Amino acid sequence: MSMPTTQDVMDAILRGVAIAAVNRAVFERKAIFSMASVNQGLRLGGASLVYDLAVRPTVKQVLPQLPLPNGK
């Protein structure tokens, strides 16, 4: 992913909000429709987008060059 489109950004944010809502409902036993869910979702979505932009291409570039422990 070189440059995120609006669709990529919205997808990451909505996925983050959905994950945050499920986390609050299942593990914290709190209301899922709250600003806390939205704020946590924005953080998760932003982190996911940064990972897609910065980390994933670097890992894909470096990983094939590393030798595997089993020698293959």
PDB file of N, CA and C in Angstrom:
ATOM      1  N   MET A   1       0.853  -1.169   0.000  1.00  0.00           N
ATOM      2  CA  MET A   1       0.000   0.000   0.000  1.00  0.00           C
ATOM      3  C   MET A   1       0.901   1.234   0.000  1.00  0.00           C
ATOM      4  N   SER A   2       0.826   2.007  -1.059  1.00  0.00           N
ATOM      5  CA  SER A   2       1.669   3.190  -1.134  1.00  0.00           C
ATOM      6  C   SER A   2       0.962   4.403  -0.531  1.00  0.00           C
ATOM      7  N   MET A   3      -0.188   4.736  -1.057  1.00  0.00           N
ATOM      8  CA  MET A   3      -0.963   5.853  -0.518  1.00  0.00           C
ATOM      9  C   MET A   3      -2.364   5.353  -0.206  1.00  0.00           C
ATOM     10  N   PRO A   4      -2.823   5.576   1.020  1.00  0.00           N
ATOM     11  CA  PRO A   4      -4.168   5.096   1.356  1.00  0.00           C
ATOM     12  C   PRO A   4      -5.237   5.960   0.708  1.00  0.00           C
ATOM     13  N   THR A   5      -6.255   5.325   0.231  1.00  0.00           N
ATOM     14  CA  THR A   5      -7.408   6.049  -0.295  1.00  0.00           C
ATOM     15  C   THR A   5      -8.369   6.329   0.853  1.00  0.00           C
ATOM     16  N   THR A   6      -9.377   7.107   0.572  1.00  0.00           N
ATOM     17  CA  THR A   6     -10.388   7.398   1.580  1.00  0.00           C
ATOM     18  C   THR A   6     -11.052   6.114   2.054  1.00  0.00           C
ATOM     19  N   GLN A   7     -11.260   5.195   1.120  1.00  0.00           N
ATOM     20  CA  GLN A   7     -11.882   3.922   1.466  1.00  0.00           C
ATOM     21  C   GLN A   7     -11.002   3.112   2.428  1.00  0.00           C
ATOM     22  N   ASP A   8      -9.683   3.135   2.219  1.00  0.00           N
ATOM     23  CA  ASP A   8      -8.767   2.428   3.113  1.00  0.00           C
ATOM     24  C   ASP A   8      -8.800   3.005   4.521  1.00  0.00           C
ATOM     25  N   VAL A   9      -8.832   4.329   4.612  1.00  0.00           N
ATOM     26  CA  VAL A   9      -8.862   4.997   5.913  1.00  0.00           C
ATOM     27  C   VAL A   9     -10.169   4.691   6.648  1.00  0.00           C
ATOM     28  N   MET A  10     -11.278   4.811   5.945  1.00  0.00           N
ATOM     29  CA  MET A  10     -12.575   4.526   6.556  1.00  0.00           C
ATOM     30  C   MET A  10     -12.672   3.064   6.974  1.00  0.00           C
ATOM     31  N   ASP A  11     -12.149   2.168   6.160  1.00  0.00           N
ATOM     32  CA  ASP A  11     -12.172   0.747   6.480  1.00  0.00           C
ATOM     33  C   ASP A  11     -11.379   0.471   7.760  1.00  0.00           C
ATOM     34  N   ALA A  12     -10.206   1.065   7.883  1.00  0.00           N
ATOM     35  CA  ALA A  12      -9.380   0.863   9.079  1.00  0.00           C
ATOM     36  C   ALA A  12     -10.062   1.428  10.319  1.00  0.00           C
ATOM     37  N   ILE A  13     -10.665   2.597  10.201  1.00  0.00           N
ATOM     38  CA  ILE A  13     -11.324   3.222  11.345  1.00  0.00           C
ATOM     39  C   ILE A  13     -12.548   2.421  11.772  1.00  0.00           C
ATOM     40  N   LEU A  14     -13.385   2.027  10.820  1.00  0.00           N
ATOM     41  CA  LEU A  14     -14.585   1.270  11.172  1.00  0.00           C
ATOM     42  C   LEU A  14     -14.244  -0.111  11.718  1.00  0.00           C
ATOM     43  N   ARG A  15     -13.192  -0.731  11.181  1.00  0.00           N
ATOM     44  CA  ARG A  15     -12.749  -2.016  11.730  1.00  0.00           C
ATOM     45  C   ARG A  15     -12.271  -1.836  13.170  1.00  0.00           C
ATOM     46  N   GLY A  16     -11.536  -0.745  13.438  1.00  0.00           N
ATOM     47  CA  GLY A  16     -11.081  -0.471  14.793  1.00  0.00           C
ATOM     48  C   GLY A  16     -12.234  -0.240  15.755  1.00  0.00           C
ATOM     49  N   VAL A  17     -13.252   0.501  15.319  1.00  0.00           N
ATOM     50  CA  VAL A  17     -14.414   0.758  16.174  1.00  0.00           C
ATOM     51  C   VAL A  17     -15.160  -0.545  16.450  1.00  0.00           C
ATOM     52  N   ALA A  18     -15.295  -1.391  15.440  1.00  0.00           N
ATOM     53  CA  ALA A  18     -15.981  -2.672  15.640  1.00  0.00           C
ATOM     54  C   ALA A  18     -15.225  -3.550  16.631  1.00  0.00           C
ATOM     55  N   ILE A  19     -13.918  -3.610  16.501  1.00  0.00           N
ATOM     56  CA  ILE A  19     -13.111  -4.415  17.425  1.00  0.00           C
ATOM     57  C   ILE A  19     -13.203  -3.855  18.844  1.00  0.00           C
ATOM     58  N   ALA A  20     -13.155  -2.531  18.978  1.00  0.00           N
ATOM     59  CA  ALA A  20     -13.255  -1.909  20.298  1.00  0.00           C
ATOM     60  C   ALA A  20     -14.621  -2.176  20.933  1.00  0.00           C
ATOM     61  N   ALA A  21     -15.680  -2.135  20.137  1.00  0.00           N
ATOM     62  CA  ALA A  21     -17.024  -2.383  20.667  1.00  0.00           C
ATOM     63  C   ALA A  21     -17.158  -3.827  21.148  1.00  0.00           C
ATOM     64  N   VAL A  22     -16.658  -4.775  20.374  1.00  0.00           N
ATOM     65  CA  VAL A  22     -16.723  -6.182  20.791  1.00  0.00           C
ATOM     66  C   VAL A  22     -15.876  -6.395  22.046  1.00  0.00           C
ATOM     67  N   ASN A  23     -14.717  -5.758  22.095  1.00  0.00           N
ATOM     68  CA  ASN A  23     -13.858  -5.878  23.281  1.00  0.00           C
ATOM     69  C   ASN A  23     -14.571  -5.358  24.530  1.00  0.00           C
ATOM     70  N   ARG A  24     -15.222  -4.209  24.414  1.00  0.00           N
ATOM     71  CA  ARG A  24     -15.934  -3.649  25.570  1.00  0.00           C
ATOM     72  C   ARG A  24     -17.102  -4.537  25.975  1.00  0.00           C
ATOM     73  N   ALA A  25     -17.806  -5.104  25.011  1.00  0.00           N
ATOM     74  CA  ALA A  25     -18.970  -5.932  25.331  1.00  0.00           C
ATOM     75  C   ALA A  25     -18.563  -7.261  25.952  1.00  0.00           C
ATOM     76  N   VAL A  26     -17.548  -7.899  25.401  1.00  0.00           N
ATOM     77  CA  VAL A  26     -17.193  -9.242  25.838  1.00  0.00           C
ATOM     78  C   VAL A  26     -16.320  -9.235  27.088  1.00  0.00           C
ATOM     79  N   PHE A  27     -15.286  -8.420  27.092  1.00  0.00           N
ATOM     80  CA  PHE A  27     -14.305  -8.484  28.171  1.00  0.00           C
ATOM     81  C   PHE A  27     -14.559  -7.487  29.294  1.00  0.00           C
ATOM     82  N   GLU A  28     -15.040  -6.300  28.957  1.00  0.00           N
ATOM     83  CA  GLU A  28     -15.220  -5.276  29.988  1.00  0.00           C
ATOM     84  C   GLU A  28     -16.654  -5.204  30.508  1.00  0.00           C
ATOM     85  N   ARG A  29     -17.583  -5.839  29.811  1.00  0.00           N
ATOM     86  CA  ARG A  29     -19.000  -5.841  30.193  1.00  0.00           C
ATOM     87  C   ARG A  29     -19.545  -4.425  30.352  1.00  0.00           C
ATOM     88  N   LYS A  30     -19.217  -3.574  29.382  1.00  0.00           N
ATOM     89  CA  LYS A  30     -19.693  -2.188  29.395  1.00  0.00           C
ATOM     90  C   LYS A  30     -20.484  -1.928  28.119  1.00  0.00           C
ATOM     91  N   ALA A  31     -21.113  -0.762  28.075  1.00  0.00           N
ATOM     92  CA  ALA A  31     -21.907  -0.392  26.901  1.00  0.00           C
ATOM     93  C   ALA A  31     -21.006  -0.250  25.678  1.00  0.00           C
ATOM     94  N   ILE A  32     -21.499  -0.763  24.545  1.00  0.00           N
ATOM     95  CA  ILE A  32     -20.667  -0.696  23.341  1.00  0.00           C
ATOM     96  C   ILE A  32     -20.862   0.608  22.579  1.00  0.00           C
ATOM     97  N   PHE A  33     -22.010   1.246  22.729  1.00  0.00           N
ATOM     98  CA  PHE A  33     -22.260   2.495  22.025  1.00  0.00           C
ATOM     99  C   PHE A  33     -21.888   3.671  22.927  1.00  0.00           C
ATOM    100  N   SER A  34     -20.617   3.977  22.976  1.00  0.00           N
ATOM    101  CA  SER A  34     -20.152   5.073  23.821  1.00  0.00           C
ATOM    102  C   SER A  34     -18.962   5.750  23.141  1.00  0.00           C
ATOM    103  N   MET A  35     -18.627   6.918  23.649  1.00  0.00           N
ATOM    104  CA  MET A  35     -17.465   7.625  23.106  1.00  0.00           C
ATOM    105  C   MET A  35     -16.177   6.874  23.402  1.00  0.00           C
ATOM    106  N   ALA A  36     -16.154   6.108  24.479  1.00  0.00           N
ATOM    107  CA  ALA A  36     -14.962   5.322  24.794  1.00  0.00           C
ATOM    108  C   ALA A  36     -14.701   4.282  23.701  1.00  0.00           C
ATOM    109  N   SER A  37     -15.768   3.671  23.201  1.00  0.00           N
ATOM    110  CA  SER A  37     -15.613   2.701  22.103  1.00  0.00           C
ATOM    111  C   SER A  37     -15.097   3.396  20.846  1.00  0.00           C
ATOM    112  N   VAL A  38     -15.629   4.569  20.576  1.00  0.00           N
ATOM    113  CA  VAL A  38     -15.208   5.304  19.379  1.00  0.00           C
ATOM    114  C   VAL A  38     -13.748   5.740  19.512  1.00  0.00           C
ATOM    115  N   ASN A  39     -13.375   6.264  20.670  1.00  0.00           N
ATOM    116  CA  ASN A  39     -11.990   6.708  20.866  1.00  0.00           C
ATOM    117  C   ASN A  39     -11.009   5.546  20.765  1.00  0.00           C
ATOM    118  N   GLN A  40     -11.343   4.428  21.411  1.00  0.00           N
ATOM    119  CA  GLN A  40     -10.487   3.247  21.324  1.00  0.00           C
ATOM    120  C   GLN A  40     -10.421   2.745  19.883  1.00  0.00           C
ATOM    121  N   GLY A  41     -11.550   2.791  19.192  1.00  0.00           N
ATOM    122  CA  GLY A  41     -11.590   2.366  17.798  1.00  0.00           C
ATOM    123  C   GLY A  41     -10.739   3.235  16.891  1.00  0.00           C
ATOM    124  N   LEU A  42     -10.734   4.541  17.148  1.00  0.00           N
ATOM    125  CA  LEU A  42      -9.885   5.435  16.362  1.00  0.00           C
ATOM    126  C   LEU A  42      -8.411   5.134  16.588  1.00  0.00           C
ATOM    127  N   ARG A  43      -8.045   4.836  17.826  1.00  0.00           N
ATOM    128  CA  ARG A  43      -6.652   4.474  18.106  1.00  0.00           C
ATOM    129  C   ARG A  43      -6.278   3.167  17.415  1.00  0.00           C
ATOM    130  N   LEU A  44      -7.158   2.173  17.495  1.00  0.00           N
ATOM    131  CA  LEU A  44      -6.882   0.891  16.850  1.00  0.00           C
ATOM    132  C   LEU A  44      -6.813   1.047  15.327  1.00  0.00           C
ATOM    133  N   GLY A  45      -7.747   1.813  14.771  1.00  0.00           N
ATOM    134  CA  GLY A  45      -7.757   2.037  13.328  1.00  0.00           C
ATOM    135  C   GLY A  45      -6.533   2.791  12.860  1.00  0.00           C
ATOM    136  N   GLY A  46      -6.121   3.793  13.621  1.00  0.00           N
ATOM    137  CA  GLY A  46      -4.912   4.536  13.266  1.00  0.00           C
ATOM    138  C   GLY A  46      -3.673   3.674  13.333  1.00  0.00           C
ATOM    139  N   ALA A  47      -3.589   2.849  14.367  1.00  0.00           N
ATOM    140  CA  ALA A  47      -2.439   1.951  14.480  1.00  0.00           C
ATOM    141  C   ALA A  47      -2.414   0.941  13.345  1.00  0.00           C
ATOM    142  N   SER A  48      -3.577   0.447  12.958  1.00  0.00           N
ATOM    143  CA  SER A  48      -3.659  -0.498  11.843  1.00  0.00           C
ATOM    144  C   SER A  48      -3.210   0.158  10.537  1.00  0.00           C
ATOM    145  N   LEU A  49      -3.620   1.392  10.338  1.00  0.00           N
ATOM    146  CA  LEU A  49      -3.242   2.107   9.117  1.00  0.00           C
ATOM    147  C   LEU A  49      -1.741   2.385   9.084  1.00  0.00           C
ATOM    148  N   VAL A  50      -1.174   2.787  10.210  1.00  0.00           N
ATOM    149  CA  VAL A  50       0.276   3.020  10.276  1.00  0.00           C
ATOM    150  C   VAL A  50       1.025   1.723  10.013  1.00  0.00           C
ATOM    151  N   TYR A  51       0.536   0.628  10.572  1.00  0.00           N
ATOM    152  CA  TYR A  51       1.169  -0.666  10.330  1.00  0.00           C
ATOM    153  C   TYR A  51       1.141  -1.015   8.838  1.00  0.00           C
ATOM    154  N   ASP A  52      -0.011  -0.811   8.209  1.00  0.00           N
ATOM    155  CA  ASP A  52      -0.126  -1.117   6.775  1.00  0.00           C
ATOM    156  C   ASP A  52       0.795  -0.247   5.930  1.00  0.00           C
ATOM    157  N   LEU A  53       0.985   1.001   6.326  1.00  0.00           N
ATOM    158  CA  LEU A  53       1.799   1.922   5.535  1.00  0.00           C
ATOM    159  C   LEU A  53       3.296   1.766   5.779  1.00  0.00           C
ATOM    160  N   ALA A  54       3.683   1.542   7.036  1.00  0.00           N
ATOM    161  CA  ALA A  54       5.100   1.592   7.377  1.00  0.00           C
ATOM    162  C   ALA A  54       5.724   0.227   7.629  1.00  0.00           C
ATOM    163  N   VAL A  55       5.075  -0.580   8.410  1.00  0.00           N
ATOM    164  CA  VAL A  55       5.704  -1.815   8.870  1.00  0.00           C
ATOM    165  C   VAL A  55       5.581  -2.939   7.849  1.00  0.00           C
ATOM    166  N   ARG A  56       4.394  -3.163   7.322  1.00  0.00           N
ATOM    167  CA  ARG A  56       4.176  -4.300   6.433  1.00  0.00           C
ATOM    168  C   ARG A  56       5.088  -4.285   5.203  1.00  0.00           C
ATOM    169  N   PRO A  57       5.254  -3.156   4.484  1.00  0.00           N
ATOM    170  CA  PRO A  57       6.175  -3.178   3.336  1.00  0.00           C
ATOM    171  C   PRO A  57       7.618  -3.485   3.734  1.00  0.00           C
ATOM    172  N   THR A  58       8.036  -2.983   4.882  1.00  0.00           N
ATOM    173  CA  THR A  58       9.400  -3.243   5.349  1.00  0.00           C
ATOM    174  C   THR A  58       9.585  -4.724   5.673  1.00  0.00           C
ATOM    175  N   VAL A  59       8.622  -5.297   6.335  1.00  0.00           N
ATOM    176  CA  VAL A  59       8.705  -6.718   6.675  1.00  0.00           C
ATOM    177  C   VAL A  59       8.715  -7.563   5.413  1.00  0.00           C
ATOM    178  N   LYS A  60       7.878  -7.235   4.450  1.00  0.00           N
ATOM    179  CA  LYS A  60       7.841  -7.996   3.197  1.00  0.00           C
ATOM    180  C   LYS A  60       9.152  -7.881   2.430  1.00  0.00           C
ATOM    181  N   GLN A  61       9.826  -6.752   2.571  1.00  0.00           N
ATOM    182  CA  GLN A  61      11.085  -6.556   1.862  1.00  0.00           C
ATOM    183  C   GLN A  61      12.230  -7.280   2.562  1.00  0.00           C
ATOM    184  N   VAL A  62      12.267  -7.269   3.881  1.00  0.00           N
ATOM    185  CA  VAL A  62      13.383  -7.830   4.637  1.00  0.00           C
ATOM    186  C   VAL A  62      13.230  -9.332   4.849  1.00  0.00           C
ATOM    187  N   LEU A  63      12.011  -9.803   5.081  1.00  0.00           N
ATOM    188  CA  LEU A  63      11.790 -11.192   5.446  1.00  0.00           C
ATOM    189  C   LEU A  63      12.304 -12.200   4.421  1.00  0.00           C
ATOM    190  N   PRO A  64      12.103 -12.020   3.122  1.00  0.00           N
ATOM    191  CA  PRO A  64      12.622 -13.017   2.185  1.00  0.00           C
ATOM    192  C   PRO A  64      14.153 -13.116   2.178  1.00  0.00           C
ATOM    193  N   GLN A  65      14.839 -12.096   2.637  1.00  0.00           N
ATOM    194  CA  GLN A  65      16.299 -12.106   2.624  1.00  0.00           C
ATOM    195  C   GLN A  65      16.892 -12.811   3.835  1.00  0.00           C
ATOM    196  N   LEU A  66      16.109 -13.023   4.882  1.00  0.00           N
ATOM    197  CA  LEU A  66      16.623 -13.672   6.095  1.00  0.00           C
ATOM    198  C   LEU A  66      16.664 -15.186   5.907  1.00  0.00           C
ATOM    199  N   PRO A  67      17.737 -15.819   6.328  1.00  0.00           N
ATOM    200  CA  PRO A  67      17.787 -17.283   6.239  1.00  0.00           C
ATOM    201  C   PRO A  67      16.882 -17.913   7.312  1.00  0.00           C
ATOM    202  N   LEU A  68      16.258 -19.015   6.956  1.00  0.00           N
ATOM    203  CA  LEU A  68      15.409 -19.715   7.906  1.00  0.00           C
ATOM    204  C   LEU A  68      16.252 -20.613   8.790  1.00  0.00           C
ATOM    205  N   PRO A  69      15.794 -20.881  10.012  1.00  0.00           N
ATOM    206  CA  PRO A  69      16.577 -21.705  10.929  1.00  0.00           C
ATOM    207  C   PRO A  69      16.808 -23.140  10.415  1.00  0.00           C
ATOM    208  N   ASN A  70      15.881 -23.657   9.617  1.00  0.00           N
ATOM    209  CA  ASN A  70      16.038 -25.023   9.133  1.00  0.00           C
ATOM    210  C   ASN A  70      16.889 -25.089   7.860  1.00  0.00           C
ATOM    211  N   GLY A  71      17.394 -23.962   7.395  1.00  0.00           N
ATOM    212  CA  GLY A  71      18.297 -23.940   6.245  1.00  0.00           C
ATOM    213  C   GLY A  71      17.626 -23.933   4.897  1.00  0.00           C
ATOM    214  N   LYS A  72      16.307 -23.875   4.844  1.00  0.00           N
ATOM    215  CA  LYS A  72      15.606 -23.873   3.545  1.00  0.00           C
ATOM    216  C   LYS A  72      15.395 -22.475   3.047  1.00  0.00           C
TER     217      LYS A  72
END
